[in-house]
Amino acid sequence: WVENAYELIDSSGEWYLNRSTGYLYYKPLTGENMTTAAVIAPTLQTLL
């Protein structure tokens, strides 16, 4: 499969990070409210 392009966001639950602009895109699942959804991006590589 091909992965990680904005042009591939065609299904609910998919996301894409544009590393050049810093914009993160997401197509919510049915019933998800983006004003209340808990969205977490893991950014640390070693916890302990």
All heavy atoms as atom14 arrays in JSON, in Angstrom:
{
  "sequence": "WVENAYELIDSSGEWYLNRSTGYLYYKPLTGENMTTAAVIAPTLQTLL",
  "atom14_mask": [
    [1, 1, 1, 1, 1, 1, 1, 1, 1, 1, 1, 1, 1, 1],
    [1, 1, 1, 1, 1, 1, 1, 0, 0, 0, 0, 0, 0, 0],
    [1, 1, 1, 1, 1, 1, 1, 1, 1, 0, 0, 0, 0, 0],
    [1, 1, 1, 1, 1, 1, 1, 1, 0, 0, 0, 0, 0, 0],
    [1, 1, 1, 1, 1, 0, 0, 0, 0, 0, 0, 0, 0, 0],
    [1, 1, 1, 1, 1, 1, 1, 1, 1, 1, 1, 1, 0, 0],
    [1, 1, 1, 1, 1, 1, 1, 1, 1, 0, 0, 0, 0, 0],
    [1, 1, 1, 1, 1, 1, 1, 1, 0, 0, 0, 0, 0, 0],
    [1, 1, 1, 1, 1, 1, 1, 1, 0, 0, 0, 0, 0, 0],
    [1, 1, 1, 1, 1, 1, 1, 1, 0, 0, 0, 0, 0, 0],
    [1, 1, 1, 1, 1, 1, 0, 0, 0, 0, 0, 0, 0, 0],
    [1, 1, 1, 1, 1, 1, 0, 0, 0, 0, 0, 0, 0, 0],
    [1, 1, 1, 1, 0, 0, 0, 0, 0, 0, 0, 0, 0, 0],
    [1, 1, 1, 1, 1, 1, 1, 1, 1, 0, 0, 0, 0, 0],
    [1, 1, 1, 1, 1, 1, 1, 1, 1, 1, 1, 1, 1, 1],
    [1, 1, 1, 1, 1, 1, 1, 1, 1, 1, 1, 1, 0, 0],
    [1, 1, 1, 1, 1, 1, 1, 1, 0, 0, 0, 0, 0, 0],
    [1, 1, 1, 1, 1, 1, 1, 1, 0, 0, 0, 0, 0, 0],
    [1, 1, 1, 1, 1, 1, 1, 1, 1, 1, 1, 0, 0, 0],
    [1, 1, 1, 1, 1, 1, 0, 0, 0, 0, 0, 0, 0, 0],
    [1, 1, 1, 1, 1, 1, 1, 0, 0, 0, 0, 0, 0, 0],
    [1, 1, 1, 1, 0, 0, 0, 0, 0, 0, 0, 0, 0, 0],
    [1, 1, 1, 1, 1, 1, 1, 1, 1, 1, 1, 1, 0, 0],
    [1, 1, 1, 1, 1, 1, 1, 1, 0, 0, 0, 0, 0, 0],
    [1, 1, 1, 1, 1, 1, 1, 1, 1, 1, 1, 1, 0, 0],
    [1, 1, 1, 1, 1, 1, 1, 1, 1, 1, 1, 1, 0, 0],
    [1, 1, 1, 1, 1, 1, 1, 1, 1, 0, 0, 0, 0, 0],
    [1, 1, 1, 1, 1, 1, 1, 0, 0, 0, 0, 0, 0, 0],
    [1, 1, 1, 1, 1, 1, 1, 1, 0, 0, 0, 0, 0, 0],
    [1, 1, 1, 1, 1, 1, 1, 0, 0, 0, 0, 0, 0, 0],
    [1, 1, 1, 1, 0, 0, 0, 0, 0, 0, 0, 0, 0, 0],
    [1, 1, 1, 1, 1, 1, 1, 1, 1, 0, 0, 0, 0, 0],
    [1, 1, 1, 1, 1, 1, 1, 1, 0, 0, 0, 0, 0, 0],
    [1, 1, 1, 1, 1, 1, 1, 1, 0, 0, 0, 0, 0, 0],
    [1, 1, 1, 1, 1, 1, 1, 0, 0, 0, 0, 0, 0, 0],
    [1, 1, 1, 1, 1, 1, 1, 0, 0, 0, 0, 0, 0, 0],
    [1, 1, 1, 1, 1, 0, 0, 0, 0, 0, 0, 0, 0, 0],
    [1, 1, 1, 1, 1, 0, 0, 0, 0, 0, 0, 0, 0, 0],
    [1, 1, 1, 1, 1, 1, 1, 0, 0, 0, 0, 0, 0, 0],
    [1, 1, 1, 1, 1, 1, 1, 1, 0, 0, 0, 0, 0, 0],
    [1, 1, 1, 1, 1, 0, 0, 0, 0, 0, 0, 0, 0, 0],
    [1, 1, 1, 1, 1, 1, 1, 0, 0, 0, 0, 0, 0, 0],
    [1, 1, 1, 1, 1, 1, 1, 0, 0, 0, 0, 0, 0, 0],
    [1, 1, 1, 1, 1, 1, 1, 1, 0, 0, 0, 0, 0, 0],
    [1, 1, 1, 1, 1, 1, 1, 1, 1, 0, 0, 0, 0, 0],
    [1, 1, 1, 1, 1, 1, 1, 0, 0, 0, 0, 0, 0, 0],
    [1, 1, 1, 1, 1, 1, 1, 1, 0, 0, 0, 0, 0, 0],
    [1, 1, 1, 1, 1, 1, 1, 1, 0, 0, 0, 0, 0, 0]
  ],
  "atom14_positions": [
    [[0.84, -1.19, 0.0], [0.0, 0.0, 0.0], [0.88, 1.25, 0.0], [2.08, 1.17, 0.24], [-0.99, 0.02, 1.16], [-0.43, 0.18, 2.55], [0.08, 1.31, 3.12], [-0.34, -0.84, 3.57], [0.48, 1.08, 4.42], [0.22, -0.22, 4.72], [-0.71, -2.17, 3.63], [0.44, -0.93, 5.89], [-0.49, -2.86, 4.8], [0.08, -2.25, 5.91]],
    [[0.28, 2.39, -0.28], [0.94, 3.7, -0.25], [0.43, 4.43, 0.98], [-0.77, 4.4, 1.27], [0.64, 4.5, -1.54], [1.38, 5.84, -1.51], [1.04, 3.69, -2.77], [0.0, 0.0, 0.0], [0.0, 0.0, 0.0], [0.0, 0.0, 0.0], [0.0, 0.0, 0.0], [0.0, 0.0, 0.0], [0.0, 0.0, 0.0], [0.0, 0.0, 0.0]],
    [[1.34, 5.13, 1.69], [0.96, 5.74, 2.97], [1.56, 7.14, 3.11], [2.58, 7.47, 2.51], [1.49, 4.83, 4.1], [1.09, 5.28, 5.51], [1.44, 4.23, 6.55], [1.11, 3.05, 6.33], [2.05, 4.58, 7.58], [0.0, 0.0, 0.0], [0.0, 0.0, 0.0], [0.0, 0.0, 0.0], [0.0, 0.0, 0.0], [0.0, 0.0, 0.0]],
    [[0.87, 7.94, 3.9], [1.36, 9.24, 4.36], [1.36, 10.31, 3.27], [2.38, 10.93, 2.98], [2.75, 9.13, 4.99], [3.06, 10.31, 5.9], [2.18, 10.77, 6.64], [4.27, 10.82, 5.84], [0.0, 0.0, 0.0], [0.0, 0.0, 0.0], [0.0, 0.0, 0.0], [0.0, 0.0, 0.0], [0.0, 0.0, 0.0], [0.0, 0.0, 0.0]],
    [[0.18, 10.56, 2.71], [-0.04, 11.69, 1.81], [-1.42, 12.26, 2.11], [-2.37, 11.51, 2.37], [0.05, 11.26, 0.35], [0.0, 0.0, 0.0], [0.0, 0.0, 0.0], [0.0, 0.0, 0.0], [0.0, 0.0, 0.0], [0.0, 0.0, 0.0], [0.0, 0.0, 0.0], [0.0, 0.0, 0.0], [0.0, 0.0, 0.0], [0.0, 0.0, 0.0]],
    [[-1.51, 13.58, 2.07], [-2.82, 14.21, 2.3], [-3.83, 13.69, 1.29], [-5.02, 13.47, 1.62], [-2.7, 15.73, 2.19], [-4.04, 16.43, 2.31], [-4.57, 16.72, 3.57], [-4.78, 16.77, 1.19], [-5.81, 17.35, 3.69], [-6.02, 17.38, 1.29], [-6.53, 17.67, 2.55], [-7.76, 18.28, 2.67], [0.0, 0.0, 0.0], [0.0, 0.0, 0.0]],
    [[-3.39, 13.44, 0.09], [-4.28, 13.01, -0.98], [-4.89, 11.64, -0.72], [-5.83, 11.22, -1.43], [-3.51, 13.0, -2.31], [-3.12, 14.38, -2.82], [-1.9, 14.98, -2.14], [-1.28, 14.28, -1.28], [-1.56, 16.12, -2.44], [0.0, 0.0, 0.0], [0.0, 0.0, 0.0], [0.0, 0.0, 0.0], [0.0, 0.0, 0.0], [0.0, 0.0, 0.0]],
    [[-4.39, 10.92, 0.26], [-4.91, 9.58, 0.58], [-5.95, 9.59, 1.7], [-6.46, 8.53, 2.07], [-3.75, 8.66, 0.98], [-2.77, 8.31, -0.15], [-1.56, 7.56, 0.4], [-3.45, 7.49, -1.24], [0.0, 0.0, 0.0], [0.0, 0.0, 0.0], [0.0, 0.0, 0.0], [0.0, 0.0, 0.0], [0.0, 0.0, 0.0], [0.0, 0.0, 0.0]],
    [[-6.25, 10.76, 2.26], [-7.28, 10.82, 3.3], [-8.64, 10.65, 2.64], [-9.2, 11.59, 2.06], [-7.24, 12.14, 4.09], [-5.88, 12.34, 4.75], [-8.34, 12.15, 5.16], [-5.76, 13.64, 5.52], [0.0, 0.0, 0.0], [0.0, 0.0, 0.0], [0.0, 0.0, 0.0], [0.0, 0.0, 0.0], [0.0, 0.0, 0.0], [0.0, 0.0, 0.0]],
    [[-9.16, 9.44, 2.69], [-10.46, 9.18, 2.07], [-11.39, 8.37, 2.96], [-12.54, 8.12, 2.6], [-10.28, 8.47, 0.72], [-9.54, 7.15, 0.85], [-9.14, 6.79, 1.98], [-9.35, 6.48, -0.18], [0.0, 0.0, 0.0], [0.0, 0.0, 0.0], [0.0, 0.0, 0.0], [0.0, 0.0, 0.0], [0.0, 0.0, 0.0], [0.0, 0.0, 0.0]],
    [[-10.9, 7.96, 4.14], [-11.71, 7.17, 5.06], [-11.7, 7.82, 6.44], [-10.69, 8.4, 6.86], [-11.17, 5.74, 5.17], [-11.21, 5.09, 3.92], [0.0, 0.0, 0.0], [0.0, 0.0, 0.0], [0.0, 0.0, 0.0], [0.0, 0.0, 0.0], [0.0, 0.0, 0.0], [0.0, 0.0, 0.0], [0.0, 0.0, 0.0], [0.0, 0.0, 0.0]],
    [[-12.81, 7.71, 7.14], [-12.88, 8.23, 8.5], [-11.84, 7.54, 9.38], [-11.6, 6.33, 9.24], [-14.28, 8.02, 9.08], [-15.24, 8.73, 8.32], [0.0, 0.0, 0.0], [0.0, 0.0, 0.0], [0.0, 0.0, 0.0], [0.0, 0.0, 0.0], [0.0, 0.0, 0.0], [0.0, 0.0, 0.0], [0.0, 0.0, 0.0], [0.0, 0.0, 0.0]],
    [[-11.22, 8.31, 10.28], [-10.2, 7.77, 11.16], [-8.79, 7.89, 10.61], [-7.85, 7.44, 11.25], [0.0, 0.0, 0.0], [0.0, 0.0, 0.0], [0.0, 0.0, 0.0], [0.0, 0.0, 0.0], [0.0, 0.0, 0.0], [0.0, 0.0, 0.0], [0.0, 0.0, 0.0], [0.0, 0.0, 0.0], [0.0, 0.0, 0.0], [0.0, 0.0, 0.0]],
    [[-8.63, 8.52, 9.43], [-7.29, 8.68, 8.85], [-6.73, 10.06, 9.16], [-7.47, 11.03, 9.29], [-7.33, 8.46, 7.33], [-7.57, 7.03, 6.93], [-7.34, 6.78, 5.45], [-7.61, 7.69, 4.64], [-6.91, 5.66, 5.1], [0.0, 0.0, 0.0], [0.0, 0.0, 0.0], [0.0, 0.0, 0.0], [0.0, 0.0, 0.0], [0.0, 0.0, 0.0]],
    [[-5.39, 10.14, 9.23], [-4.72, 11.4, 9.56], [-3.45, 11.56, 8.72], [-2.93, 10.6, 8.16], [-4.35, 11.45, 11.05], [-3.32, 10.44, 11.48], [-3.54, 9.13, 11.84], [-1.9, 10.64, 11.58], [-2.35, 8.52, 12.16], [-1.33, 9.41, 12.01], [-1.07, 11.73, 11.35], [0.04, 9.26, 12.21], [0.31, 11.57, 11.56], [0.84, 10.34, 11.99]],
    [[-3.0, 12.82, 8.66], [-1.78, 13.13, 7.92], [-1.12, 14.34, 8.55], [-1.79, 15.34, 8.83], [-2.09, 13.41, 6.44], [-0.92, 14.01, 5.68], [0.2, 13.25, 5.37], [-0.92, 15.35, 5.29], [1.28, 13.79, 4.68], [0.15, 15.9, 4.59], [1.24, 15.12, 4.29], [2.3, 15.66, 3.62], [0.0, 0.0, 0.0], [0.0, 0.0, 0.0]],
    [[0.21, 14.25, 8.78], [0.99, 15.37, 9.29], [1.81, 15.96, 8.16], [2.65, 15.26, 7.57], [1.91, 14.91, 10.42], [2.94, 15.95, 10.91], [2.25, 17.17, 11.51], [3.91, 15.33, 11.91], [0.0, 0.0, 0.0], [0.0, 0.0, 0.0], [0.0, 0.0, 0.0], [0.0, 0.0, 0.0], [0.0, 0.0, 0.0], [0.0, 0.0, 0.0]],
    [[1.57, 17.22, 7.84], [2.41, 17.94, 6.87], [3.59, 18.51, 7.64], [3.47, 19.52, 8.33], [1.61, 19.05, 6.18], [2.39, 19.71, 5.06], [3.61, 19.86, 5.14], [1.69, 20.1, 4.01], [0.0, 0.0, 0.0], [0.0, 0.0, 0.0], [0.0, 0.0, 0.0], [0.0, 0.0, 0.0], [0.0, 0.0, 0.0], [0.0, 0.0, 0.0]],
    [[4.75, 17.85, 7.53], [5.91, 18.26, 8.32], [6.45, 19.61, 7.88], [7.13, 20.3, 8.64], [7.02, 17.21, 8.21], [6.67, 15.87, 8.84], [7.86, 14.92, 8.8], [7.44, 13.56, 8.52], [8.18, 12.66, 7.91], [9.4, 12.97, 7.5], [7.74, 11.45, 7.7], [0.0, 0.0, 0.0], [0.0, 0.0, 0.0], [0.0, 0.0, 0.0]],
    [[6.15, 20.01, 6.64], [6.65, 21.29, 6.13], [5.89, 22.48, 6.71], [6.49, 23.5, 7.06], [6.56, 21.31, 4.6], [7.31, 20.26, 4.04], [0.0, 0.0, 0.0], [0.0, 0.0, 0.0], [0.0, 0.0, 0.0], [0.0, 0.0, 0.0], [0.0, 0.0, 0.0], [0.0, 0.0, 0.0], [0.0, 0.0, 0.0], [0.0, 0.0, 0.0]],
    [[4.57, 22.34, 6.83], [3.74, 23.45, 7.3], [3.37, 23.34, 8.78], [2.96, 24.32, 9.39], [2.44, 23.53, 6.49], [1.67, 22.34, 6.73], [2.74, 23.66, 5.01], [0.0, 0.0, 0.0], [0.0, 0.0, 0.0], [0.0, 0.0, 0.0], [0.0, 0.0, 0.0], [0.0, 0.0, 0.0], [0.0, 0.0, 0.0], [0.0, 0.0, 0.0]],
    [[3.5, 22.13, 9.34], [3.11, 21.92, 10.73], [1.63, 21.69, 10.92], [1.15, 21.67, 12.06], [0.0, 0.0, 0.0], [0.0, 0.0, 0.0], [0.0, 0.0, 0.0], [0.0, 0.0, 0.0], [0.0, 0.0, 0.0], [0.0, 0.0, 0.0], [0.0, 0.0, 0.0], [0.0, 0.0, 0.0], [0.0, 0.0, 0.0], [0.0, 0.0, 0.0]],
    [[0.89, 21.48, 9.85], [-0.55, 21.21, 9.98], [-0.8, 19.71, 10.06], [-0.26, 18.91, 9.27], [-1.33, 21.8, 8.81], [-1.66, 23.26, 8.99], [-1.01, 24.23, 8.23], [-2.61, 23.68, 9.93], [-1.3, 25.59, 8.4], [-2.91, 25.02, 10.09], [-2.26, 25.97, 9.34], [-2.55, 27.3, 9.52], [0.0, 0.0, 0.0], [0.0, 0.0, 0.0]],
    [[-1.64, 19.33, 11.03], [-2.07, 17.96, 11.21], [-3.53, 17.86, 10.76], [-4.36, 18.66, 11.17], [-1.95, 17.56, 12.69], [-2.53, 16.22, 13.12], [-1.79, 15.07, 12.45], [-2.46, 16.07, 14.64], [0.0, 0.0, 0.0], [0.0, 0.0, 0.0], [0.0, 0.0, 0.0], [0.0, 0.0, 0.0], [0.0, 0.0, 0.0], [0.0, 0.0, 0.0]],
    [[-3.82, 16.89, 9.91], [-5.17, 16.73, 9.34], [-5.77, 15.43, 9.85], [-5.08, 14.42, 9.99], [-5.09, 16.71, 7.81], [-4.53, 17.97, 7.21], [-3.15, 18.13, 7.05], [-5.37, 19.01, 6.81], [-2.62, 19.3, 6.5], [-4.84, 20.18, 6.26], [-3.48, 20.31, 6.11], [-2.95, 21.46, 5.58], [0.0, 0.0, 0.0], [0.0, 0.0, 0.0]],
    [[-7.07, 15.44, 10.07], [-7.76, 14.25, 10.57], [-9.21, 14.25, 10.09], [-9.88, 15.28, 10.11], [-7.71, 14.2, 12.1], [-8.44, 13.01, 12.7], [-7.96, 11.71, 12.51], [-9.59, 13.18, 13.44], [-8.62, 10.63, 13.05], [-10.26, 12.09, 13.99], [-9.77, 10.81, 13.79], [-10.42, 9.73, 14.32], [0.0, 0.0, 0.0], [0.0, 0.0, 0.0]],
    [[-9.66, 13.08, 9.66], [-11.05, 12.89, 9.24], [-11.75, 12.08, 10.32], [-11.49, 10.88, 10.49], [-11.09, 12.15, 7.9], [-12.48, 11.98, 7.3], [-12.37, 11.3, 5.92], [-13.73, 10.95, 5.34], [-14.52, 12.16, 5.01], [0.0, 0.0, 0.0], [0.0, 0.0, 0.0], [0.0, 0.0, 0.0], [0.0, 0.0, 0.0], [0.0, 0.0, 0.0]],
    [[-12.62, 12.7, 11.12], [-13.17, 12.03, 12.31], [-14.03, 10.82, 11.96], [-14.66, 10.75, 10.9], [-14.03, 13.12, 12.98], [-13.6, 14.41, 12.36], [-13.11, 14.07, 10.98], [0.0, 0.0, 0.0], [0.0, 0.0, 0.0], [0.0, 0.0, 0.0], [0.0, 0.0, 0.0], [0.0, 0.0, 0.0], [0.0, 0.0, 0.0], [0.0, 0.0, 0.0]],
    [[-14.05, 9.9, 12.9], [-15.0, 8.8, 12.84], [-16.4, 9.33, 13.15], [-16.56, 10.39, 13.77], [-14.63, 7.71, 13.85], [-13.3, 6.98, 13.62], [-12.95, 6.13, 14.85], [-13.37, 6.11, 12.38], [0.0, 0.0, 0.0], [0.0, 0.0, 0.0], [0.0, 0.0, 0.0], [0.0, 0.0, 0.0], [0.0, 0.0, 0.0], [0.0, 0.0, 0.0]],
    [[-17.4, 8.59, 12.75], [-18.77, 8.97, 13.05], [-18.96, 9.12, 14.56], [-18.57, 8.25, 15.34], [-19.75, 7.9, 12.53], [-19.56, 7.77, 11.12], [-21.19, 8.3, 12.8], [0.0, 0.0, 0.0], [0.0, 0.0, 0.0], [0.0, 0.0, 0.0], [0.0, 0.0, 0.0], [0.0, 0.0, 0.0], [0.0, 0.0, 0.0], [0.0, 0.0, 0.0]],
    [[-19.48, 10.26, 14.96], [-19.73, 10.51, 16.38], [-18.6, 11.2, 17.1], [-18.78, 11.63, 18.26], [0.0, 0.0, 0.0], [0.0, 0.0, 0.0], [0.0, 0.0, 0.0], [0.0, 0.0, 0.0], [0.0, 0.0, 0.0], [0.0, 0.0, 0.0], [0.0, 0.0, 0.0], [0.0, 0.0, 0.0], [0.0, 0.0, 0.0], [0.0, 0.0, 0.0]],
    [[-17.43, 11.33, 16.47], [-16.33, 12.04, 17.13], [-16.51, 13.55, 16.99], [-16.77, 14.06, 15.89], [-14.98, 11.63, 16.52], [-14.5, 10.27, 17.01], [-13.16, 9.87, 16.4], [-12.77, 10.43, 15.36], [-12.51, 8.98, 16.98], [0.0, 0.0, 0.0], [0.0, 0.0, 0.0], [0.0, 0.0, 0.0], [0.0, 0.0, 0.0], [0.0, 0.0, 0.0]],
    [[-16.34, 14.24, 18.11], [-16.45, 15.71, 18.15], [-15.05, 16.26, 18.39], [-14.47, 16.04, 19.45], [-17.41, 16.11, 19.28], [-17.62, 17.61, 19.35], [-16.81, 18.39, 18.85], [-18.71, 18.01, 19.98], [0.0, 0.0, 0.0], [0.0, 0.0, 0.0], [0.0, 0.0, 0.0], [0.0, 0.0, 0.0], [0.0, 0.0, 0.0], [0.0, 0.0, 0.0]],
    [[-14.54, 17.0, 17.42], [-13.15, 17.44, 17.51], [-12.94, 18.54, 18.55], [-11.8, 18.88, 18.86], [-12.64, 17.88, 16.14], [-12.61, 16.76, 15.11], [-11.83, 15.23, 15.72], [-10.13, 15.77, 15.93], [0.0, 0.0, 0.0], [0.0, 0.0, 0.0], [0.0, 0.0, 0.0], [0.0, 0.0, 0.0], [0.0, 0.0, 0.0], [0.0, 0.0, 0.0]],
    [[-13.99, 19.1, 19.06], [-13.82, 20.08, 20.15], [-13.64, 19.38, 21.5], [-13.12, 19.99, 22.44], [-15.02, 21.03, 20.22], [-16.21, 20.27, 20.48], [-15.18, 21.8, 18.92], [0.0, 0.0, 0.0], [0.0, 0.0, 0.0], [0.0, 0.0, 0.0], [0.0, 0.0, 0.0], [0.0, 0.0, 0.0], [0.0, 0.0, 0.0], [0.0, 0.0, 0.0]],
    [[-14.06, 18.14, 21.58], [-13.95, 17.41, 22.85], [-13.06, 16.16, 22.76], [-12.72, 15.58, 23.79], [-15.34, 16.98, 23.35], [-15.96, 16.16, 22.35], [-16.21, 18.2, 23.62], [0.0, 0.0, 0.0], [0.0, 0.0, 0.0], [0.0, 0.0, 0.0], [0.0, 0.0, 0.0], [0.0, 0.0, 0.0], [0.0, 0.0, 0.0], [0.0, 0.0, 0.0]],
    [[-12.69, 15.75, 21.55], [-11.9, 14.53, 21.39], [-10.52, 14.69, 22.04], [-9.9, 15.76, 21.96], [-11.74, 14.19, 19.9], [0.0, 0.0, 0.0], [0.0, 0.0, 0.0], [0.0, 0.0, 0.0], [0.0, 0.0, 0.0], [0.0, 0.0, 0.0], [0.0, 0.0, 0.0], [0.0, 0.0, 0.0], [0.0, 0.0, 0.0], [0.0, 0.0, 0.0]],
    [[-10.06, 13.63, 22.69], [-8.72, 13.62, 23.26], [-7.76, 13.09, 22.19], [-7.75, 11.9, 21.89], [-8.68, 12.74, 24.5], [0.0, 0.0, 0.0], [0.0, 0.0, 0.0], [0.0, 0.0, 0.0], [0.0, 0.0, 0.0], [0.0, 0.0, 0.0], [0.0, 0.0, 0.0], [0.0, 0.0, 0.0], [0.0, 0.0, 0.0], [0.0, 0.0, 0.0]],
    [[-6.97, 14.0, 21.6], [-6.05, 13.63, 20.52], [-4.63, 13.76, 21.05], [-4.23, 14.83, 21.5], [-6.25, 14.54, 19.29], [-5.32, 14.11, 18.16], [-7.71, 14.52, 18.84], [0.0, 0.0, 0.0], [0.0, 0.0, 0.0], [0.0, 0.0, 0.0], [0.0, 0.0, 0.0], [0.0, 0.0, 0.0], [0.0, 0.0, 0.0], [0.0, 0.0, 0.0]],
    [[-3.88, 12.67, 20.99], [-2.53, 12.65, 21.54], [-1.55, 12.18, 20.47], [-1.73, 11.13, 19.85], [-2.44, 11.73, 22.77], [-3.35, 12.26, 23.89], [-1.0, 11.63, 23.27], [-3.38, 11.4, 25.13], [0.0, 0.0, 0.0], [0.0, 0.0, 0.0], [0.0, 0.0, 0.0], [0.0, 0.0, 0.0], [0.0, 0.0, 0.0], [0.0, 0.0, 0.0]],
    [[-0.5, 12.98, 20.26], [0.59, 12.61, 19.37], [1.79, 12.22, 20.22], [2.25, 13.01, 21.05], [0.95, 13.79, 18.46], [0.0, 0.0, 0.0], [0.0, 0.0, 0.0], [0.0, 0.0, 0.0], [0.0, 0.0, 0.0], [0.0, 0.0, 0.0], [0.0, 0.0, 0.0], [0.0, 0.0, 0.0], [0.0, 0.0, 0.0], [0.0, 0.0, 0.0]],
    [[2.33, 11.01, 20.05], [3.51, 10.61, 20.82], [4.75, 11.28, 20.24], [5.04, 11.13, 19.05], [3.55, 9.09, 20.64], [2.88, 8.86, 19.33], [1.85, 9.94, 19.16], [0.0, 0.0, 0.0], [0.0, 0.0, 0.0], [0.0, 0.0, 0.0], [0.0, 0.0, 0.0], [0.0, 0.0, 0.0], [0.0, 0.0, 0.0], [0.0, 0.0, 0.0]],
    [[5.48, 12.0, 21.06], [6.62, 12.78, 20.56], [7.94, 12.41, 21.23], [9.0, 12.74, 20.71], [6.36, 14.29, 20.74], [6.0, 14.55, 22.1], [5.22, 14.75, 19.84], [0.0, 0.0, 0.0], [0.0, 0.0, 0.0], [0.0, 0.0, 0.0], [0.0, 0.0, 0.0], [0.0, 0.0, 0.0], [0.0, 0.0, 0.0], [0.0, 0.0, 0.0]],
    [[7.91, 11.73, 22.37], [9.14, 11.29, 23.04], [9.48, 9.88, 22.54], [8.58, 9.06, 22.33], [8.93, 11.28, 24.55], [10.17, 11.21, 25.45], [11.08, 12.42, 25.23], [9.75, 11.12, 26.92], [0.0, 0.0, 0.0], [0.0, 0.0, 0.0], [0.0, 0.0, 0.0], [0.0, 0.0, 0.0], [0.0, 0.0, 0.0], [0.0, 0.0, 0.0]],
    [[10.76, 9.61, 22.33], [11.14, 8.29, 21.81], [11.5, 7.28, 22.91], [11.37, 6.08, 22.7], [12.31, 8.43, 20.82], [11.94, 9.21, 19.57], [12.95, 9.02, 18.45], [12.99, 7.96, 17.82], [13.76, 10.03, 18.22], [0.0, 0.0, 0.0], [0.0, 0.0, 0.0], [0.0, 0.0, 0.0], [0.0, 0.0, 0.0], [0.0, 0.0, 0.0]],
    [[11.96, 7.75, 24.06], [12.27, 6.85, 25.17], [11.61, 7.38, 26.43], [11.88, 8.51, 26.85], [13.79, 6.73, 25.4], [14.42, 6.39, 24.16], [14.1, 5.66, 26.43], [0.0, 0.0, 0.0], [0.0, 0.0, 0.0], [0.0, 0.0, 0.0], [0.0, 0.0, 0.0], [0.0, 0.0, 0.0], [0.0, 0.0, 0.0], [0.0, 0.0, 0.0]],
    [[10.74, 6.58, 27.03], [10.06, 7.0, 28.26], [10.94, 6.76, 29.48], [11.09, 7.63, 30.32], [8.75, 6.22, 28.41], [7.71, 6.41, 27.31], [6.54, 5.46, 27.51], [7.22, 7.85, 27.27], [0.0, 0.0, 0.0], [0.0, 0.0, 0.0], [0.0, 0.0, 0.0], [0.0, 0.0, 0.0], [0.0, 0.0, 0.0], [0.0, 0.0, 0.0]],
    [[11.53, 5.57, 29.56], [12.37, 5.2, 30.7], [13.61, 4.51, 30.19], [13.55, 3.59, 29.37], [11.61, 4.26, 31.65], [12.42, 3.58, 32.76], [13.1, 4.58, 33.66], [11.52, 2.66, 33.57], [0.0, 0.0, 0.0], [0.0, 0.0, 0.0], [0.0, 0.0, 0.0], [0.0, 0.0, 0.0], [0.0, 0.0, 0.0], [0.0, 0.0, 0.0]]
  ]
}
